[in-house]
Amino acid sequence: MNRSIVSLMLAAALACASAQARADEPAAQPAPTKHQMMKDCMAKQKASDGGMPKQDMKKNCKDVTKTESENAKAEKETADEAGTPPHP
């Protein structure tokens, strides 16, 4: 009988501790900066080794970065209007 009570108390304590750990985690990742998006894009372009000149890669990455920023802004505005948090 005592073992079952101790086991039940231990299980409850572990459940509370795991719930607290989840509550401490941030809800969403912050949006990357334009500079970071550009660096990531350039790294992907170089890794793909398409033989493109650096200026062309840079132009493509600027376009991609601009599009991603506009999409994030539009998504945020839509979420603000609807009153729901944006998707990560």
N, C-alpha and C. Protein backbone atom coordinates (compact mmCIF):
# COMPACT_ATOMS: atom_id res chain seq x y z
N MET A 1 0.83 -1.18 0.00
CA MET A 1 0.00 0.00 0.00
C MET A 1 0.87 1.25 0.00
N ASN A 2 1.89 1.29 0.85
CA ASN A 2 2.77 2.45 0.91
C ASN A 2 3.54 2.64 -0.39
N ARG A 3 3.92 1.54 -1.02
CA ARG A 3 4.64 1.64 -2.29
C ARG A 3 3.78 2.29 -3.37
N SER A 4 2.51 1.95 -3.40
CA SER A 4 1.64 2.53 -4.42
C SER A 4 1.43 4.02 -4.18
N ILE A 5 1.36 4.44 -2.94
CA ILE A 5 1.22 5.87 -2.63
C ILE A 5 2.48 6.63 -3.03
N VAL A 6 3.63 6.06 -2.70
CA VAL A 6 4.90 6.69 -3.05
C VAL A 6 5.05 6.77 -4.57
N SER A 7 4.69 5.71 -5.27
CA SER A 7 4.77 5.69 -6.73
C SER A 7 3.83 6.74 -7.33
N LEU A 8 2.64 6.86 -6.78
CA LEU A 8 1.68 7.84 -7.26
C LEU A 8 2.19 9.26 -7.03
N MET A 9 2.77 9.50 -5.87
CA MET A 9 3.32 10.84 -5.57
C MET A 9 4.49 11.17 -6.49
N LEU A 10 5.34 10.19 -6.75
CA LEU A 10 6.48 10.38 -7.64
C LEU A 10 6.01 10.69 -9.07
N ALA A 11 5.01 9.97 -9.52
CA ALA A 11 4.48 10.21 -10.86
C ALA A 11 3.87 11.61 -10.97
N ALA A 12 3.17 12.05 -9.93
CA ALA A 12 2.57 13.39 -9.93
C ALA A 12 3.66 14.46 -9.94
N ALA A 13 4.71 14.24 -9.18
CA ALA A 13 5.81 15.21 -9.13
C ALA A 13 6.50 15.31 -10.49
N LEU A 14 6.71 14.19 -11.15
CA LEU A 14 7.33 14.20 -12.49
C LEU A 14 6.43 14.89 -13.51
N ALA A 15 5.14 14.68 -13.41
CA ALA A 15 4.20 15.33 -14.33
C ALA A 15 4.24 16.84 -14.14
N CYS A 16 4.28 17.29 -12.90
CA CYS A 16 4.35 18.73 -12.63
C CYS A 16 5.66 19.32 -13.14
N ALA A 17 6.73 18.61 -12.94
CA ALA A 17 8.04 19.10 -13.38
C ALA A 17 8.10 19.20 -14.90
N SER A 18 7.54 18.23 -15.61
CA SER A 18 7.58 18.29 -17.07
C SER A 18 6.67 19.40 -17.60
N ALA A 19 5.55 19.64 -16.93
CA ALA A 19 4.66 20.73 -17.34
C ALA A 19 5.35 22.07 -17.15
N GLN A 20 6.08 22.22 -16.08
CA GLN A 20 6.81 23.46 -15.82
C GLN A 20 7.91 23.66 -16.85
N ALA A 21 8.60 22.61 -17.24
CA ALA A 21 9.67 22.71 -18.24
C ALA A 21 9.11 23.15 -19.58
N ARG A 22 7.94 22.65 -19.96
CA ARG A 22 7.32 23.07 -21.21
C ARG A 22 6.87 24.52 -21.15
N ALA A 23 6.41 24.98 -20.01
CA ALA A 23 5.94 26.36 -19.88
C ALA A 23 7.10 27.35 -20.00
N ASP A 24 8.31 26.92 -19.67
CA ASP A 24 9.47 27.81 -19.73
C ASP A 24 10.00 27.98 -21.15
N GLU A 25 9.64 27.08 -22.08
CA GLU A 25 10.14 27.15 -23.45
C GLU A 25 9.47 28.31 -24.18
N PRO A 26 10.21 29.01 -25.04
CA PRO A 26 9.59 30.09 -25.80
C PRO A 26 8.56 29.54 -26.79
N ALA A 27 7.53 30.33 -27.08
CA ALA A 27 6.44 29.88 -27.93
C ALA A 27 6.88 29.75 -29.39
N ALA A 28 7.69 30.69 -29.86
CA ALA A 28 8.09 30.66 -31.26
C ALA A 28 9.49 31.23 -31.41
N GLN A 29 10.14 30.81 -32.46
CA GLN A 29 11.48 31.32 -32.76
C GLN A 29 11.35 32.74 -33.31
N PRO A 30 12.25 33.64 -32.92
CA PRO A 30 12.20 34.97 -33.52
C PRO A 30 12.56 34.91 -34.99
N ALA A 31 12.01 35.83 -35.74
CA ALA A 31 12.27 35.86 -37.18
C ALA A 31 13.74 36.21 -37.42
N PRO A 32 14.37 35.54 -38.37
CA PRO A 32 15.77 35.87 -38.66
C PRO A 32 15.88 37.26 -39.30
N THR A 33 17.00 37.90 -39.10
CA THR A 33 17.23 39.21 -39.70
C THR A 33 17.49 39.06 -41.18
N LYS A 34 17.39 40.16 -41.92
CA LYS A 34 17.65 40.11 -43.36
C LYS A 34 19.09 39.68 -43.62
N HIS A 35 19.99 40.17 -42.77
CA HIS A 35 21.40 39.82 -42.92
C HIS A 35 21.59 38.31 -42.77
N GLN A 36 20.93 37.72 -41.75
CA GLN A 36 21.07 36.28 -41.54
C GLN A 36 20.44 35.50 -42.68
N MET A 37 19.29 35.95 -43.17
CA MET A 37 18.66 35.26 -44.30
C MET A 37 19.57 35.31 -45.53
N MET A 38 20.23 36.45 -45.73
CA MET A 38 21.13 36.60 -46.88
C MET A 38 22.32 35.64 -46.74
N LYS A 39 22.89 35.57 -45.54
CA LYS A 39 24.01 34.66 -45.31
C LYS A 39 23.61 33.21 -45.56
N ASP A 40 22.44 32.83 -45.07
CA ASP A 40 21.96 31.46 -45.26
C ASP A 40 21.76 31.15 -46.75
N CYS A 41 21.16 32.11 -47.45
CA CYS A 41 20.91 31.91 -48.88
C CYS A 41 22.21 31.78 -49.65
N MET A 42 23.18 32.65 -49.36
CA MET A 42 24.47 32.58 -50.06
C MET A 42 25.15 31.24 -49.78
N ALA A 43 25.05 30.76 -48.55
CA ALA A 43 25.66 29.47 -48.21
C ALA A 43 25.00 28.34 -49.01
N LYS A 44 23.67 28.41 -49.14
CA LYS A 44 22.97 27.38 -49.92
C LYS A 44 23.36 27.46 -51.40
N GLN A 45 23.49 28.68 -51.91
CA GLN A 45 23.87 28.85 -53.31
C GLN A 45 25.26 28.26 -53.57
N LYS A 46 26.18 28.55 -52.66
CA LYS A 46 27.54 28.03 -52.81
C LYS A 46 27.57 26.51 -52.69
N ALA A 47 26.76 25.98 -51.77
CA ALA A 47 26.73 24.53 -51.57
C ALA A 47 26.16 23.81 -52.78
N SER A 48 25.24 24.45 -53.47
CA SER A 48 24.64 23.79 -54.64
C SER A 48 25.61 23.75 -55.81
N ASP A 49 26.62 24.61 -55.77
CA ASP A 49 27.69 24.64 -56.77
C ASP A 49 27.12 24.63 -58.19
N GLY A 50 26.25 25.60 -58.45
CA GLY A 50 25.65 25.71 -59.77
C GLY A 50 26.55 26.38 -60.78
N GLY A 51 27.74 26.81 -60.37
CA GLY A 51 28.67 27.46 -61.28
C GLY A 51 28.27 28.89 -61.61
N MET A 52 27.39 29.46 -60.80
CA MET A 52 26.92 30.81 -61.03
C MET A 52 27.94 31.82 -60.49
N PRO A 53 28.12 32.93 -61.18
CA PRO A 53 29.00 33.98 -60.64
C PRO A 53 28.45 34.53 -59.33
N LYS A 54 29.34 35.02 -58.48
CA LYS A 54 28.95 35.50 -57.16
C LYS A 54 27.91 36.63 -57.26
N GLN A 55 28.04 37.51 -58.23
CA GLN A 55 27.08 38.62 -58.38
C GLN A 55 25.68 38.09 -58.68
N ASP A 56 25.57 37.04 -59.49
CA ASP A 56 24.27 36.46 -59.80
C ASP A 56 23.67 35.79 -58.56
N MET A 57 24.53 35.09 -57.80
CA MET A 57 24.04 34.47 -56.56
C MET A 57 23.52 35.54 -55.61
N LYS A 58 24.25 36.64 -55.50
CA LYS A 58 23.86 37.72 -54.60
C LYS A 58 22.52 38.32 -55.03
N LYS A 59 22.34 38.52 -56.33
CA LYS A 59 21.09 39.07 -56.84
C LYS A 59 19.92 38.12 -56.53
N ASN A 60 20.12 36.83 -56.78
CA ASN A 60 19.08 35.84 -56.48
C ASN A 60 18.73 35.84 -54.99
N CYS A 61 19.75 35.92 -54.15
CA CYS A 61 19.52 35.91 -52.71
C CYS A 61 18.80 37.17 -52.24
N LYS A 62 19.10 38.30 -52.85
CA LYS A 62 18.38 39.53 -52.50
C LYS A 62 16.90 39.38 -52.83
N ASP A 63 16.61 38.80 -53.98
CA ASP A 63 15.22 38.59 -54.36
C ASP A 63 14.51 37.64 -53.39
N VAL A 64 15.20 36.55 -53.03
CA VAL A 64 14.62 35.57 -52.11
C VAL A 64 14.39 36.21 -50.75
N THR A 65 15.36 36.95 -50.25
CA THR A 65 15.25 37.61 -48.95
C THR A 65 14.09 38.60 -48.94
N LYS A 66 13.97 39.37 -50.01
CA LYS A 66 12.89 40.35 -50.10
C LYS A 66 11.54 39.64 -50.08
N THR A 67 11.41 38.57 -50.83
CA THR A 67 10.15 37.83 -50.89
C THR A 67 9.81 37.22 -49.53
N GLU A 68 10.79 36.63 -48.86
CA GLU A 68 10.55 36.04 -47.55
C GLU A 68 10.13 37.09 -46.54
N SER A 69 10.75 38.26 -46.58
CA SER A 69 10.39 39.35 -45.67
C SER A 69 8.96 39.81 -45.92
N GLU A 70 8.60 39.96 -47.19
CA GLU A 70 7.24 40.39 -47.53
C GLU A 70 6.21 39.34 -47.08
N ASN A 71 6.54 38.06 -47.28
CA ASN A 71 5.62 37.00 -46.86
C ASN A 71 5.44 36.99 -45.34
N ALA A 72 6.53 37.17 -44.60
CA ALA A 72 6.45 37.19 -43.14
C ALA A 72 5.62 38.38 -42.67
N LYS A 73 5.81 39.52 -43.32
CA LYS A 73 5.05 40.72 -42.95
C LYS A 73 3.57 40.51 -43.22
N ALA A 74 3.24 39.95 -44.37
CA ALA A 74 1.84 39.71 -44.73
C ALA A 74 1.20 38.71 -43.77
N GLU A 75 1.95 37.67 -43.42
CA GLU A 75 1.43 36.67 -42.49
C GLU A 75 1.17 37.28 -41.12
N LYS A 76 2.07 38.14 -40.68
CA LYS A 76 1.90 38.80 -39.38
C LYS A 76 0.67 39.70 -39.40
N GLU A 77 0.49 40.46 -40.47
CA GLU A 77 -0.66 41.35 -40.57
C GLU A 77 -1.96 40.55 -40.58
N THR A 78 -1.98 39.44 -41.29
CA THR A 78 -3.16 38.59 -41.34
C THR A 78 -3.46 38.01 -39.96
N ALA A 79 -2.43 37.59 -39.25
CA ALA A 79 -2.61 37.02 -37.92
C ALA A 79 -3.09 38.09 -36.95
N ASP A 80 -2.57 39.32 -37.08
CA ASP A 80 -3.00 40.40 -36.20
C ASP A 80 -4.47 40.72 -36.42
N GLU A 81 -4.89 40.70 -37.68
CA GLU A 81 -6.30 40.99 -37.99
C GLU A 81 -7.22 39.89 -37.45
N ALA A 82 -6.77 38.66 -37.54
CA ALA A 82 -7.58 37.53 -37.08
C ALA A 82 -7.48 37.34 -35.58
N GLY A 83 -6.47 37.92 -34.96
CA GLY A 83 -6.30 37.77 -33.51
C GLY A 83 -5.66 36.46 -33.12
N THR A 84 -5.00 35.80 -34.04
CA THR A 84 -4.33 34.55 -33.75
C THR A 84 -2.83 34.74 -33.90
N PRO A 85 -2.05 33.94 -33.17
CA PRO A 85 -0.58 34.06 -33.31
C PRO A 85 -0.12 33.55 -34.67
N PRO A 86 0.92 34.17 -35.25
CA PRO A 86 1.42 33.71 -36.56
C PRO A 86 2.08 32.35 -36.45
N HIS A 87 2.10 31.64 -37.59
CA HIS A 87 2.75 30.33 -37.63
C HIS A 87 4.26 30.52 -37.66
N PRO A 88 5.00 29.64 -36.93
CA PRO A 88 6.47 29.77 -36.95
C PRO A 88 7.09 29.33 -38.24
